[in-house]
Amino acid sequence: LIVALLGGVIAIAVINFKHFHKPQTAIHEATTGALVAIGNT
């Protein structure tokens, strides 16, 4: 799953690079959301 998800993240970043709106905000929200989700579980 680590390999698969890393591949998916790289794929969407490369294919849709010019369509990013606020990439830094997206990364911040993603990391925060992941910590909350795994902490709750």
PDB file of all heavy atoms in Angstrom:
ATOM      1  N   LEU A   1       0.820  -1.212   0.000  1.00  0.00           N
ATOM      2  CA  LEU A   1       0.000   0.000   0.000  1.00  0.00           C
ATOM      3  C   LEU A   1       0.854   1.262   0.000  1.00  0.00           C
ATOM      4  O   LEU A   1       0.468   2.274  -0.595  1.00  0.00           O
ATOM      5  CB  LEU A   1      -0.927   0.009   1.221  1.00  0.00           C
ATOM      6  CG  LEU A   1      -2.185  -0.844   1.115  1.00  0.00           C
ATOM      7  CD1 LEU A   1      -2.937  -0.825   2.423  1.00  0.00           C
ATOM      8  CD2 LEU A   1      -3.061  -0.353  -0.019  1.00  0.00           C
ATOM      9  N   ILE A   2       1.998   1.208   0.651  1.00  0.00           N
ATOM     10  CA  ILE A   2       2.882   2.374   0.664  1.00  0.00           C
ATOM     11  C   ILE A   2       3.359   2.666  -0.748  1.00  0.00           C
ATOM     12  O   ILE A   2       3.335   3.814  -1.213  1.00  0.00           O
ATOM     13  CB  ILE A   2       4.073   2.144   1.611  1.00  0.00           C
ATOM     14  CG1 ILE A   2       3.574   1.961   3.049  1.00  0.00           C
ATOM     15  CG2 ILE A   2       5.057   3.298   1.533  1.00  0.00           C
ATOM     16  CD1 ILE A   2       4.678   1.645   4.043  1.00  0.00           C
ATOM     17  N   VAL A   3       3.791   1.612  -1.451  1.00  0.00           N
ATOM     18  CA  VAL A   3       4.244   1.766  -2.832  1.00  0.00           C
ATOM     19  C   VAL A   3       3.101   2.256  -3.719  1.00  0.00           C
ATOM     20  O   VAL A   3       3.270   3.179  -4.534  1.00  0.00           O
ATOM     21  CB  VAL A   3       4.791   0.431  -3.370  1.00  0.00           C
ATOM     22  CG1 VAL A   3       5.177   0.554  -4.848  1.00  0.00           C
ATOM     23  CG2 VAL A   3       5.981  -0.032  -2.546  1.00  0.00           C
ATOM     24  N   ALA A   4       1.928   1.656  -3.551  1.00  0.00           N
ATOM     25  CA  ALA A   4       0.782   2.004  -4.393  1.00  0.00           C
ATOM     26  C   ALA A   4       0.344   3.449  -4.180  1.00  0.00           C
ATOM     27  O   ALA A   4       0.103   4.194  -5.144  1.00  0.00           O
ATOM     28  CB  ALA A   4      -0.380   1.052  -4.096  1.00  0.00           C
ATOM     29  N   LEU A   5       0.240   3.859  -2.925  1.00  0.00           N
ATOM     30  CA  LEU A   5      -0.211   5.220  -2.636  1.00  0.00           C
ATOM     31  C   LEU A   5       0.825   6.267  -3.028  1.00  0.00           C
ATOM     32  O   LEU A   5       0.480   7.336  -3.528  1.00  0.00           O
ATOM     33  CB  LEU A   5      -0.548   5.356  -1.154  1.00  0.00           C
ATOM     34  CG  LEU A   5      -1.832   4.648  -0.737  1.00  0.00           C
ATOM     35  CD1 LEU A   5      -1.922   4.548   0.777  1.00  0.00           C
ATOM     36  CD2 LEU A   5      -3.047   5.378  -1.294  1.00  0.00           C
ATOM     37  N   LEU A   6       2.098   5.941  -2.815  1.00  0.00           N
ATOM     38  CA  LEU A   6       3.153   6.860  -3.250  1.00  0.00           C
ATOM     39  C   LEU A   6       3.105   7.029  -4.760  1.00  0.00           C
ATOM     40  O   LEU A   6       3.231   8.148  -5.271  1.00  0.00           O
ATOM     41  CB  LEU A   6       4.523   6.332  -2.813  1.00  0.00           C
ATOM     42  CG  LEU A   6       5.727   7.213  -3.168  1.00  0.00           C
ATOM     43  CD1 LEU A   6       5.595   8.588  -2.505  1.00  0.00           C
ATOM     44  CD2 LEU A   6       7.024   6.538  -2.724  1.00  0.00           C
ATOM     45  N   GLY A   7       2.888   5.923  -5.470  1.00  0.00           N
ATOM     46  CA  GLY A   7       2.744   6.005  -6.924  1.00  0.00           C
ATOM     47  C   GLY A   7       1.555   6.852  -7.329  1.00  0.00           C
ATOM     48  O   GLY A   7       1.626   7.647  -8.277  1.00  0.00           O
ATOM     49  N   GLY A   8       0.427   6.702  -6.599  1.00  0.00           N
ATOM     50  CA  GLY A   8      -0.758   7.494  -6.905  1.00  0.00           C
ATOM     51  C   GLY A   8      -0.555   8.971  -6.647  1.00  0.00           C
ATOM     52  O   GLY A   8      -0.985   9.811  -7.437  1.00  0.00           O
ATOM     53  N   VAL A   9       0.103   9.300  -5.529  1.00  0.00           N
ATOM     54  CA  VAL A   9       0.380  10.708  -5.200  1.00  0.00           C
ATOM     55  C   VAL A   9       1.287  11.331  -6.263  1.00  0.00           C
ATOM     56  O   VAL A   9       1.046  12.454  -6.736  1.00  0.00           O
ATOM     57  CB  VAL A   9       1.033  10.813  -3.805  1.00  0.00           C
ATOM     58  CG1 VAL A   9       1.565  12.222  -3.565  1.00  0.00           C
ATOM     59  CG2 VAL A   9       0.020  10.454  -2.722  1.00  0.00           C
ATOM     60  N   ILE A  10       2.335  10.605  -6.655  1.00  0.00           N
ATOM     61  CA  ILE A  10       3.248  11.117  -7.684  1.00  0.00           C
ATOM     62  C   ILE A  10       2.512  11.270  -9.016  1.00  0.00           C
ATOM     63  O   ILE A  10       2.681  12.280  -9.724  1.00  0.00           O
ATOM     64  CB  ILE A  10       4.463  10.180  -7.847  1.00  0.00           C
ATOM     65  CG1 ILE A  10       5.321  10.220  -6.578  1.00  0.00           C
ATOM     66  CG2 ILE A  10       5.303  10.574  -9.069  1.00  0.00           C
ATOM     67  CD1 ILE A  10       6.450   9.201  -6.567  1.00  0.00           C
ATOM     68  N   ALA A  11       1.672  10.304  -9.344  1.00  0.00           N
ATOM     69  CA  ALA A  11       0.946  10.347 -10.614  1.00  0.00           C
ATOM     70  C   ALA A  11       0.036  11.568 -10.692  1.00  0.00           C
ATOM     71  O   ALA A  11       0.032  12.292 -11.703  1.00  0.00           O
ATOM     72  CB  ALA A  11       0.128   9.066 -10.795  1.00  0.00           C
ATOM     73  N   ILE A  12      -0.729  11.819  -9.635  1.00  0.00           N
ATOM     74  CA  ILE A  12      -1.644  12.954  -9.692  1.00  0.00           C
ATOM     75  C   ILE A  12      -0.894  14.277  -9.658  1.00  0.00           C
ATOM     76  O   ILE A  12      -1.288  15.266 -10.280  1.00  0.00           O
ATOM     77  CB  ILE A  12      -2.695  12.876  -8.562  1.00  0.00           C
ATOM     78  CG1 ILE A  12      -3.849  13.822  -8.861  1.00  0.00           C
ATOM     79  CG2 ILE A  12      -2.082  13.192  -7.210  1.00  0.00           C
ATOM     80  CD1 ILE A  12      -5.037  13.630  -7.960  1.00  0.00           C
ATOM     81  N   ALA A  13       0.249  14.312  -8.945  1.00  0.00           N
ATOM     82  CA  ALA A  13       1.051  15.536  -8.889  1.00  0.00           C
ATOM     83  C   ALA A  13       1.658  15.856 -10.258  1.00  0.00           C
ATOM     84  O   ALA A  13       1.711  17.019 -10.673  1.00  0.00           O
ATOM     85  CB  ALA A  13       2.149  15.396  -7.841  1.00  0.00           C
ATOM     86  N   VAL A  14       2.101  14.835 -10.966  1.00  0.00           N
ATOM     87  CA  VAL A  14       2.725  15.041 -12.283  1.00  0.00           C
ATOM     88  C   VAL A  14       1.676  15.359 -13.336  1.00  0.00           C
ATOM     89  O   VAL A  14       1.797  16.329 -14.097  1.00  0.00           O
ATOM     90  CB  VAL A  14       3.538  13.793 -12.683  1.00  0.00           C
ATOM     91  CG1 VAL A  14       4.007  13.903 -14.135  1.00  0.00           C
ATOM     92  CG2 VAL A  14       4.732  13.614 -11.764  1.00  0.00           C
ATOM     93  N   ILE A  15       0.618  14.556 -13.386  1.00  0.00           N
ATOM     94  CA  ILE A  15      -0.394  14.716 -14.425  1.00  0.00           C
ATOM     95  C   ILE A  15      -1.147  16.040 -14.285  1.00  0.00           C
ATOM     96  O   ILE A  15      -1.453  16.713 -15.266  1.00  0.00           O
ATOM     97  CB  ILE A  15      -1.388  13.534 -14.391  1.00  0.00           C
ATOM     98  CG1 ILE A  15      -0.670  12.228 -14.745  1.00  0.00           C
ATOM     99  CG2 ILE A  15      -2.551  13.767 -15.357  1.00  0.00           C
ATOM    100  CD1 ILE A  15      -1.524  10.992 -14.552  1.00  0.00           C
ATOM    101  N   ASN A  16      -1.443  16.418 -13.032  1.00  0.00           N
ATOM    102  CA  ASN A  16      -2.259  17.612 -12.803  1.00  0.00           C
ATOM    103  C   ASN A  16      -1.470  18.756 -12.171  1.00  0.00           C
ATOM    104  O   ASN A  16      -2.043  19.610 -11.486  1.00  0.00           O
ATOM    105  CB  ASN A  16      -3.450  17.258 -11.895  1.00  0.00           C
ATOM    106  CG  ASN A  16      -4.447  16.365 -12.583  1.00  0.00           C
ATOM    107  OD1 ASN A  16      -4.830  16.618 -13.712  1.00  0.00           O
ATOM    108  ND2 ASN A  16      -4.857  15.309 -11.911  1.00  0.00           N
ATOM    109  N   PHE A  17      -0.177  18.802 -12.420  1.00  0.00           N
ATOM    110  CA  PHE A  17       0.674  19.805 -11.778  1.00  0.00           C
ATOM    111  C   PHE A  17       0.171  21.224 -12.012  1.00  0.00           C
ATOM    112  O   PHE A  17       0.102  22.041 -11.090  1.00  0.00           O
ATOM    113  CB  PHE A  17       2.110  19.667 -12.289  1.00  0.00           C
ATOM    114  CG  PHE A  17       3.062  20.645 -11.656  1.00  0.00           C
ATOM    115  CD1 PHE A  17       3.543  20.434 -10.366  1.00  0.00           C
ATOM    116  CD2 PHE A  17       3.457  21.791 -12.330  1.00  0.00           C
ATOM    117  CE1 PHE A  17       4.406  21.342  -9.763  1.00  0.00           C
ATOM    118  CE2 PHE A  17       4.317  22.708 -11.742  1.00  0.00           C
ATOM    119  CZ  PHE A  17       4.799  22.479 -10.457  1.00  0.00           C
ATOM    120  N   LYS A  18      -0.212  21.543 -13.242  1.00  0.00           N
ATOM    121  CA  LYS A  18      -0.628  22.908 -13.564  1.00  0.00           C
ATOM    122  C   LYS A  18      -2.008  23.256 -13.012  1.00  0.00           C
ATOM    123  O   LYS A  18      -2.417  24.420 -13.052  1.00  0.00           O
ATOM    124  CB  LYS A  18      -0.612  23.118 -15.076  1.00  0.00           C
ATOM    125  CG  LYS A  18      -1.624  22.272 -15.840  1.00  0.00           C
ATOM    126  CD  LYS A  18      -1.556  22.568 -17.341  1.00  0.00           C
ATOM    127  CE  LYS A  18      -2.579  21.746 -18.122  1.00  0.00           C
ATOM    128  NZ  LYS A  18      -2.507  22.047 -19.577  1.00  0.00           N
ATOM    129  N   HIS A  19      -2.707  22.252 -12.507  1.00  0.00           N
ATOM    130  CA  HIS A  19      -4.055  22.493 -11.980  1.00  0.00           C
ATOM    131  C   HIS A  19      -4.081  22.654 -10.462  1.00  0.00           C
ATOM    132  O   HIS A  19      -5.158  22.859  -9.886  1.00  0.00           O
ATOM    133  CB  HIS A  19      -4.996  21.348 -12.377  1.00  0.00           C
ATOM    134  CG  HIS A  19      -5.277  21.288 -13.848  1.00  0.00           C
ATOM    135  ND1 HIS A  19      -6.143  22.148 -14.481  1.00  0.00           N
ATOM    136  CD2 HIS A  19      -4.788  20.473 -14.811  1.00  0.00           C
ATOM    137  CE1 HIS A  19      -6.194  21.864 -15.767  1.00  0.00           C
ATOM    138  NE2 HIS A  19      -5.382  20.848 -16.002  1.00  0.00           N
ATOM    139  N   PHE A  20      -2.923  22.551  -9.801  1.00  0.00           N
ATOM    140  CA  PHE A  20      -2.888  22.774  -8.354  1.00  0.00           C
ATOM    141  C   PHE A  20      -3.323  24.201  -8.037  1.00  0.00           C
ATOM    142  O   PHE A  20      -2.935  25.144  -8.724  1.00  0.00           O
ATOM    143  CB  PHE A  20      -1.486  22.538  -7.797  1.00  0.00           C
ATOM    144  CG  PHE A  20      -1.223  21.117  -7.385  1.00  0.00           C
ATOM    145  CD1 PHE A  20      -0.394  20.303  -8.145  1.00  0.00           C
ATOM    146  CD2 PHE A  20      -1.808  20.594  -6.243  1.00  0.00           C
ATOM    147  CE1 PHE A  20      -0.151  18.996  -7.765  1.00  0.00           C
ATOM    148  CE2 PHE A  20      -1.569  19.286  -5.854  1.00  0.00           C
ATOM    149  CZ  PHE A  20      -0.745  18.487  -6.619  1.00  0.00           C
ATOM    150  N   HIS A  21      -4.129  24.344  -6.981  1.00  0.00           N
ATOM    151  CA  HIS A  21      -4.597  25.663  -6.558  1.00  0.00           C
ATOM    152  C   HIS A  21      -3.737  26.177  -5.408  1.00  0.00           C
ATOM    153  O   HIS A  21      -3.083  27.216  -5.515  1.00  0.00           O
ATOM    154  CB  HIS A  21      -6.069  25.575  -6.140  1.00  0.00           C
ATOM    155  CG  HIS A  21      -6.618  26.835  -5.566  1.00  0.00           C
ATOM    156  ND1 HIS A  21      -6.493  28.063  -6.193  1.00  0.00           N
ATOM    157  CD2 HIS A  21      -7.296  27.071  -4.403  1.00  0.00           C
ATOM    158  CE1 HIS A  21      -7.067  28.996  -5.448  1.00  0.00           C
ATOM    159  NE2 HIS A  21      -7.552  28.427  -4.363  1.00  0.00           N
ATOM    160  N   LYS A  22      -3.717  25.444  -4.304  1.00  0.00           N
ATOM    161  CA  LYS A  22      -2.894  25.792  -3.143  1.00  0.00           C
ATOM    162  C   LYS A  22      -2.220  24.519  -2.638  1.00  0.00           C
ATOM    163  O   LYS A  22      -2.651  23.918  -1.653  1.00  0.00           O
ATOM    164  CB  LYS A  22      -3.751  26.408  -2.028  1.00  0.00           C
ATOM    165  CG  LYS A  22      -4.351  27.769  -2.387  1.00  0.00           C
ATOM    166  CD  LYS A  22      -5.161  28.308  -1.214  1.00  0.00           C
ATOM    167  CE  LYS A  22      -5.741  29.688  -1.533  1.00  0.00           C
ATOM    168  NZ  LYS A  22      -6.554  30.212  -0.396  1.00  0.00           N
ATOM    169  N   PRO A  23      -1.141  24.091  -3.289  1.00  0.00           N
ATOM    170  CA  PRO A  23      -0.506  22.812  -2.924  1.00  0.00           C
ATOM    171  C   PRO A  23       0.001  22.769  -1.492  1.00  0.00           C
ATOM    172  O   PRO A  23      -0.120  21.738  -0.817  1.00  0.00           O
ATOM    173  CB  PRO A  23       0.645  22.681  -3.930  1.00  0.00           C
ATOM    174  CG  PRO A  23       0.873  24.069  -4.448  1.00  0.00           C
ATOM    175  CD  PRO A  23      -0.454  24.743  -4.416  1.00  0.00           C
ATOM    176  N   GLN A  24       0.557  23.879  -0.991  1.00  0.00           N
ATOM    177  CA  GLN A  24       1.057  23.886   0.380  1.00  0.00           C
ATOM    178  C   GLN A  24      -0.077  23.711   1.382  1.00  0.00           C
ATOM    179  O   GLN A  24       0.048  22.994   2.381  1.00  0.00           O
ATOM    180  CB  GLN A  24       1.820  25.190   0.657  1.00  0.00           C
ATOM    181  CG  GLN A  24       3.143  25.308  -0.076  1.00  0.00           C
ATOM    182  CD  GLN A  24       4.121  24.220   0.337  1.00  0.00           C
ATOM    183  OE1 GLN A  24       4.133  23.781   1.487  1.00  0.00           O
ATOM    184  NE2 GLN A  24       4.942  23.777  -0.602  1.00  0.00           N
ATOM    185  N   THR A  25      -1.200  24.373   1.105  1.00  0.00           N
ATOM    186  CA  THR A  25      -2.372  24.221   1.974  1.00  0.00           C
ATOM    187  C   THR A  25      -2.896  22.797   1.937  1.00  0.00           C
ATOM    188  O   THR A  25      -3.278  22.231   2.969  1.00  0.00           O
ATOM    189  CB  THR A  25      -3.472  25.197   1.548  1.00  0.00           C
ATOM    190  OG1 THR A  25      -2.982  26.539   1.610  1.00  0.00           O
ATOM    191  CG2 THR A  25      -4.691  25.062   2.445  1.00  0.00           C
ATOM    192  N   ALA A  26      -2.911  22.209   0.747  1.00  0.00           N
ATOM    193  CA  ALA A  26      -3.387  20.832   0.596  1.00  0.00           C
ATOM    194  C   ALA A  26      -2.516  19.869   1.394  1.00  0.00           C
ATOM    195  O   ALA A  26      -3.023  18.969   2.078  1.00  0.00           O
ATOM    196  CB  ALA A  26      -3.392  20.438  -0.874  1.00  0.00           C
ATOM    197  N   ILE A  27      -1.193  20.055   1.342  1.00  0.00           N
ATOM    198  CA  ILE A  27      -0.282  19.186   2.086  1.00  0.00           C
ATOM    199  C   ILE A  27      -0.482  19.354   3.587  1.00  0.00           C
ATOM    200  O   ILE A  27      -0.518  18.376   4.347  1.00  0.00           O
ATOM    201  CB  ILE A  27       1.180  19.488   1.697  1.00  0.00           C
ATOM    202  CG1 ILE A  27       1.434  19.069   0.245  1.00  0.00           C
ATOM    203  CG2 ILE A  27       2.145  18.772   2.630  1.00  0.00           C
ATOM    204  CD1 ILE A  27       2.791  19.473  -0.275  1.00  0.00           C
ATOM    205  N   HIS A  28      -0.644  20.607   4.023  1.00  0.00           N
ATOM    206  CA  HIS A  28      -0.855  20.870   5.452  1.00  0.00           C
ATOM    207  C   HIS A  28      -2.140  20.209   5.932  1.00  0.00           C
ATOM    208  O   HIS A  28      -2.155  19.543   6.984  1.00  0.00           O
ATOM    209  CB  HIS A  28      -0.925  22.376   5.687  1.00  0.00           C
ATOM    210  CG  HIS A  28      -1.341  22.753   7.083  1.00  0.00           C
ATOM    211  ND1 HIS A  28      -0.516  22.601   8.180  1.00  0.00           N
ATOM    212  CD2 HIS A  28      -2.530  23.252   7.562  1.00  0.00           C
ATOM    213  CE1 HIS A  28      -1.172  22.983   9.266  1.00  0.00           C
ATOM    214  NE2 HIS A  28      -2.378  23.386   8.919  1.00  0.00           N
ATOM    215  N   GLU A  29      -3.221  20.381   5.186  1.00  0.00           N
ATOM    216  CA  GLU A  29      -4.502  19.790   5.590  1.00  0.00           C
ATOM    217  C   GLU A  29      -4.444  18.263   5.548  1.00  0.00           C
ATOM    218  O   GLU A  29      -5.068  17.595   6.378  1.00  0.00           O
ATOM    219  CB  GLU A  29      -5.614  20.311   4.685  1.00  0.00           C
ATOM    220  CG  GLU A  29      -5.911  21.795   4.885  1.00  0.00           C
ATOM    221  CD  GLU A  29      -7.011  22.298   3.966  1.00  0.00           C
ATOM    222  OE1 GLU A  29      -7.416  21.518   3.057  1.00  0.00           O
ATOM    223  OE2 GLU A  29      -7.462  23.440   4.135  1.00  0.00           O
ATOM    224  N   ALA A  30      -3.704  17.725   4.584  1.00  0.00           N
ATOM    225  CA  ALA A  30      -3.592  16.276   4.463  1.00  0.00           C
ATOM    226  C   ALA A  30      -2.860  15.683   5.653  1.00  0.00           C
ATOM    227  O   ALA A  30      -3.293  14.666   6.225  1.00  0.00           O
ATOM    228  CB  ALA A  30      -2.871  15.911   3.168  1.00  0.00           C
ATOM    229  N   THR A  31      -1.754  16.301   6.048  1.00  0.00           N
ATOM    230  CA  THR A  31      -0.977  15.774   7.179  1.00  0.00           C
ATOM    231  C   THR A  31      -1.749  15.900   8.485  1.00  0.00           C
ATOM    232  O   THR A  31      -1.757  14.981   9.307  1.00  0.00           O
ATOM    233  CB  THR A  31       0.377  16.496   7.292  1.00  0.00           C
ATOM    234  OG1 THR A  31       0.159  17.913   7.320  1.00  0.00           O
ATOM    235  CG2 THR A  31       1.264  16.177   6.096  1.00  0.00           C
ATOM    236  N   THR A  32      -2.420  17.047   8.664  1.00  0.00           N
ATOM    237  CA  THR A  32      -3.221  17.232   9.880  1.00  0.00           C
ATOM    238  C   THR A  32      -4.360  16.224   9.934  1.00  0.00           C
ATOM    239  O   THR A  32      -4.628  15.603  10.976  1.00  0.00           O
ATOM    240  CB  THR A  32      -3.778  18.665   9.940  1.00  0.00           C
ATOM    241  OG1 THR A  32      -2.707  19.601   9.886  1.00  0.00           O
ATOM    242  CG2 THR A  32      -4.578  18.878  11.215  1.00  0.00           C
ATOM    243  N   GLY A  33      -5.048  16.060   8.800  1.00  0.00           N
ATOM    244  CA  GLY A  33      -6.154  15.102   8.743  1.00  0.00           C
ATOM    245  C   GLY A  33      -5.707  13.676   9.007  1.00  0.00           C
ATOM    246  O   GLY A  33      -6.401  12.911   9.677  1.00  0.00           O
ATOM    247  N   ALA A  34      -4.530  13.323   8.494  1.00  0.00           N
ATOM    248  CA  ALA A  34      -4.014  11.969   8.706  1.00  0.00           C
ATOM    249  C   ALA A  34      -3.718  11.719  10.177  1.00  0.00           C
ATOM    250  O   ALA A  34      -4.016  10.642  10.711  1.00  0.00           O
ATOM    251  CB  ALA A  34      -2.755  11.755   7.865  1.00  0.00           C
ATOM    252  N   LEU A  35      -3.137  12.711  10.842  1.00  0.00           N
ATOM    253  CA  LEU A  35      -2.814  12.558  12.263  1.00  0.00           C
ATOM    254  C   LEU A  35      -4.078  12.418  13.109  1.00  0.00           C
ATOM    255  O   LEU A  35      -4.130  11.603  14.037  1.00  0.00           O
ATOM    256  CB  LEU A  35      -1.985  13.754  12.739  1.00  0.00           C
ATOM    257  CG  LEU A  35      -0.544  13.816  12.219  1.00  0.00           C
ATOM    258  CD1 LEU A  35       0.116  15.121  12.640  1.00  0.00           C
ATOM    259  CD2 LEU A  35       0.260  12.628  12.739  1.00  0.00           C
ATOM    260  N   VAL A  36      -5.091  13.224  12.807  1.00  0.00           N
ATOM    261  CA  VAL A  36      -6.352  13.132  13.548  1.00  0.00           C
ATOM    262  C   VAL A  36      -7.003  11.773  13.318  1.00  0.00           C
ATOM    263  O   VAL A  36      -7.477  11.114  14.260  1.00  0.00           O
ATOM    264  CB  VAL A  36      -7.301  14.268  13.132  1.00  0.00           C
ATOM    265  CG1 VAL A  36      -8.689  14.053  13.744  1.00  0.00           C
ATOM    266  CG2 VAL A  36      -6.744  15.616  13.551  1.00  0.00           C
ATOM    267  N   ALA A  37      -7.006  11.326  12.063  1.00  0.00           N
ATOM    268  CA  ALA A  37      -7.656  10.062  11.725  1.00  0.00           C
ATOM    269  C   ALA A  37      -6.974   8.879  12.399  1.00  0.00           C
ATOM    270  O   ALA A  37      -7.634   8.030  13.012  1.00  0.00           O
ATOM    271  CB  ALA A  37      -7.649   9.865  10.206  1.00  0.00           C
ATOM    272  N   ILE A  38      -5.648   8.822  12.298  1.00  0.00           N
ATOM    273  CA  ILE A  38      -4.949   7.680  12.883  1.00  0.00           C
ATOM    274  C   ILE A  38      -4.962   7.753  14.410  1.00  0.00           C
ATOM    275  O   ILE A  38      -5.013   6.727  15.092  1.00  0.00           O
ATOM    276  CB  ILE A  38      -3.498   7.600  12.339  1.00  0.00           C
ATOM    277  CG1 ILE A  38      -2.945   6.186  12.570  1.00  0.00           C
ATOM    278  CG2 ILE A  38      -2.581   8.644  12.982  1.00  0.00           C
ATOM    279  CD1 ILE A  38      -1.638   5.922  11.860  1.00  0.00           C
ATOM    280  N   GLY A  39      -4.975   8.967  14.964  1.00  0.00           N
ATOM    281  CA  GLY A  39      -5.060   9.116  16.410  1.00  0.00           C
ATOM    282  C   GLY A  39      -6.390   8.634  16.954  1.00  0.00           C
ATOM    283  O   GLY A  39      -6.440   7.916  17.971  1.00  0.00           O
ATOM    284  N   ASN A  40      -7.490   9.008  16.301  1.00  0.00           N
ATOM    285  CA  ASN A  40      -8.819   8.564  16.720  1.00  0.00           C
ATOM    286  C   ASN A  40      -8.918   7.040  16.693  1.00  0.00           C
ATOM    287  O   ASN A  40      -9.443   6.409  17.628  1.00  0.00           O
ATOM    288  CB  ASN A  40      -9.892   9.147  15.798  1.00  0.00           C
ATOM    289  CG  ASN A  40     -10.240  10.577  16.168  1.00  0.00           C
ATOM    290  OD1 ASN A  40     -10.112  10.984  17.313  1.00  0.00           O
ATOM    291  ND2 ASN A  40     -10.676  11.355  15.194  1.00  0.00           N
ATOM    292  N   THR A  41      -8.409   6.462  15.599  1.00  0.00           N
ATOM    293  CA  THR A  41      -8.483   5.004  15.467  1.00  0.00           C
ATOM    294  C   THR A  41      -7.608   4.314  16.498  1.00  0.00           C
ATOM    295  O   THR A  41      -8.014   3.318  17.121  1.00  0.00           O
ATOM    296  CB  THR A  41      -8.052   4.585  14.050  1.00  0.00           C
ATOM    297  OG1 THR A  41      -8.759   5.356  13.085  1.00  0.00           O
ATOM    298  CG2 THR A  41      -8.337   3.112  13.818  1.00  0.00           C
TER     299      THR A  41
END
